[in-house]
Protein backbone atom coordinates (compact mmCIF):
# COMPACT_ATOMS: atom_id res chain seq x y z
CA MET A 1 0.00 0.00 0.00
CA ASN A 2 2.91 2.39 0.60
CA GLY A 3 3.72 2.33 -3.12
CA THR A 4 0.12 3.20 -3.89
CA LEU A 5 0.17 6.09 -1.44
CA GLU A 6 3.47 7.34 -2.88
CA ARG A 7 1.93 7.31 -6.37
CA ILE A 8 -1.11 9.21 -5.16
CA PHE A 9 1.03 11.96 -3.64
CA PHE A 10 3.31 12.05 -6.70
CA PRO A 11 4.16 15.60 -7.86
CA LEU A 12 2.26 15.23 -11.15
CA ASN A 13 -0.95 14.86 -9.12
CA ILE A 14 -0.53 18.17 -7.32
CA ASP A 15 -3.14 20.74 -8.23
CA ASP A 16 -5.13 23.52 -6.58
CA ASN A 17 -5.51 22.66 -2.86
CA GLY A 18 -4.81 18.96 -3.53
CA ARG A 19 -8.18 18.24 -5.12
CA LEU A 20 -6.87 15.52 -7.44
CA ILE A 21 -4.91 13.85 -4.66
CA SER A 22 -8.03 13.90 -2.49
CA LYS A 23 -9.98 12.28 -5.31
CA LEU A 24 -7.28 9.63 -5.72
CA LEU A 25 -7.38 8.98 -1.96
CA GLN A 26 -11.05 8.03 -1.98
CA PRO A 27 -10.41 4.28 -2.48
CA VAL A 28 -7.95 4.36 0.44
CA LYS A 29 -10.51 6.22 2.54
CA LEU A 30 -13.13 3.62 1.58
CA GLN A 31 -10.74 0.79 2.44
CA ILE A 32 -10.24 2.24 5.92
CA PHE A 33 -13.99 2.77 6.35
CA ARG A 34 -14.71 -0.82 5.36
CA ALA A 35 -12.03 -2.16 7.68
CA LEU A 36 -13.57 -0.21 10.56
CA ALA A 37 -17.08 -1.38 9.65
CA GLU A 38 -15.84 -4.98 9.62
CA ASP A 39 -14.06 -4.51 13.00
CA ARG A 40 -10.64 -4.91 11.38
CA ILE A 41 -9.41 -2.03 13.48
CA ASP A 42 -5.72 -3.02 13.41
CA ALA A 43 -5.72 -2.96 9.60
CA ALA A 44 -7.52 0.39 9.52
CA VAL A 45 -5.11 1.97 12.00
CA THR A 46 -2.07 0.61 10.15
CA LEU A 47 -3.26 2.00 6.83
CA TYR A 48 -4.18 5.32 8.41
CA ILE A 49 -0.73 5.64 9.97
CA ARG A 50 0.83 4.97 6.56
CA LEU A 51 -1.43 7.59 5.02
CA LEU A 52 -0.52 10.22 7.62
CA THR A 53 3.20 9.60 7.37
CA THR A 54 3.13 9.65 3.57
CA LEU A 55 1.10 12.86 3.54
CA SER A 56 3.49 14.50 6.00
CA ARG A 57 6.59 13.52 4.07
CA CYS A 58 5.28 14.26 0.58
CA TYR A 59 3.73 17.60 1.57
CA VAL A 60 7.24 18.93 2.14
CA GLU A 61 9.30 16.83 -0.29
CA HIS A 62 7.06 17.63 -3.26
CA ARG A 63 6.28 21.16 -2.08
CA HIS A 64 2.51 20.72 -1.98
CA TYR A 65 2.31 23.86 0.15
CA LEU A 66 2.91 25.94 -2.97
CA TYR A 67 -0.52 24.89 -4.27
CA VAL A 68 -2.57 25.51 -1.13
CA ASP A 69 -4.36 28.79 -0.60
CA SER A 70 -7.07 27.72 1.80
CA ARG A 71 -7.73 24.06 2.58
CA TYR A 72 -5.55 21.12 1.66
CA PHE A 73 -8.18 18.54 0.77
CA PRO A 74 -6.09 15.41 1.53
CA ASP A 75 -5.69 16.80 5.05
CA VAL A 76 -9.48 17.13 5.26
CA ASP A 77 -9.75 13.47 4.25
CA CYS A 78 -7.33 12.52 7.04
CA THR A 79 -9.41 14.53 9.52
CA ASP A 80 -12.55 12.67 8.40
CA ILE A 81 -10.85 9.32 8.99
CA PHE A 82 -9.59 10.51 12.38
CA SER A 83 -13.18 11.25 13.42
CA TRP A 84 -14.13 7.68 12.46
CA LEU A 85 -11.34 6.40 14.69
CA GLN A 86 -12.50 8.65 17.52
CA ASP A 87 -15.98 7.13 17.14
CA CYS A 88 -14.43 3.67 17.42
CA GLY A 89 -12.71 4.78 20.59
CA GLU A 90 -15.94 6.12 22.04
CA HIS A 91 -17.62 2.78 21.34
CA GLY A 92 -14.83 0.76 22.95
CA LYS A 93 -13.57 -0.69 19.65
CA LEU A 94 -10.16 0.99 19.66
CA SER A 95 -7.72 -1.07 21.71
CA MET A 96 -5.18 0.56 23.99
CA GLU A 97 -2.45 -0.72 21.66
CA ASN A 98 -3.99 1.01 18.64
CA ARG A 99 -4.64 4.15 20.63
CA GLN A 100 -0.98 4.19 21.65
CA ARG A 101 0.17 3.56 18.07
CA LEU A 102 -1.89 6.51 16.88
CA GLN A 103 -0.69 8.76 19.69
CA ALA A 104 2.94 7.84 19.02
CA THR A 105 2.51 8.56 15.31
CA LEU A 106 0.86 11.92 15.98
CA LEU A 107 3.63 12.85 18.40
CA GLU A 108 6.27 11.87 15.83
CA LEU A 109 4.51 13.83 13.08
CA LYS A 110 4.34 16.92 15.31
CA GLN A 111 8.13 16.96 15.14
CA ALA A 112 8.18 16.73 11.34
CA GLU A 113 8.69 19.74 9.12
CA ALA A 114 5.21 19.47 7.60
CA PHE A 115 3.59 20.09 10.97
CA ARG A 116 6.17 22.50 12.38
CA GLU A 117 6.03 24.75 9.32
CA TYR A 118 2.53 24.18 7.88
CA GLU A 119 0.50 22.37 10.59
CA ILE A 120 -0.07 19.41 8.27
CA PRO A 121 -1.55 16.97 9.18
CA THR A 122 -3.89 18.99 11.33
CA VAL A 123 -5.00 15.88 13.23
CA CYS A 124 -1.76 16.23 15.21
CA LYS A 125 -3.63 18.90 17.17
CA LEU A 126 -6.41 16.48 18.13
CA LYS A 127 -6.76 13.85 20.83
CA ILE A 128 -7.59 10.24 20.13
């Protein structure tokens, strides 16, 4: 899946506010949604972590910030998924291990250039 995510965030897909990348992310978003609906929480969390780390890295490496004037739509997608994971947590479906994995990833991403300079991904500001 990492190769797929890398291809989605590829520089040729960068456009105004990341609209094309957001469109290309929809199957990934659906895959995470289905995994959550089928109580395959570990798989959903793993894919989400890969998505967040790829977004963070590519946002800076490929200079996505040059194309954003208001909202970066892939970040909005990540925020949507985060809310699904919060719902899982509220319903007791998010194990302590997965909660810790997410928290560790968010803490790590807070130290990355994408968040320090551009506050991407914005979910780093939220609590799981």
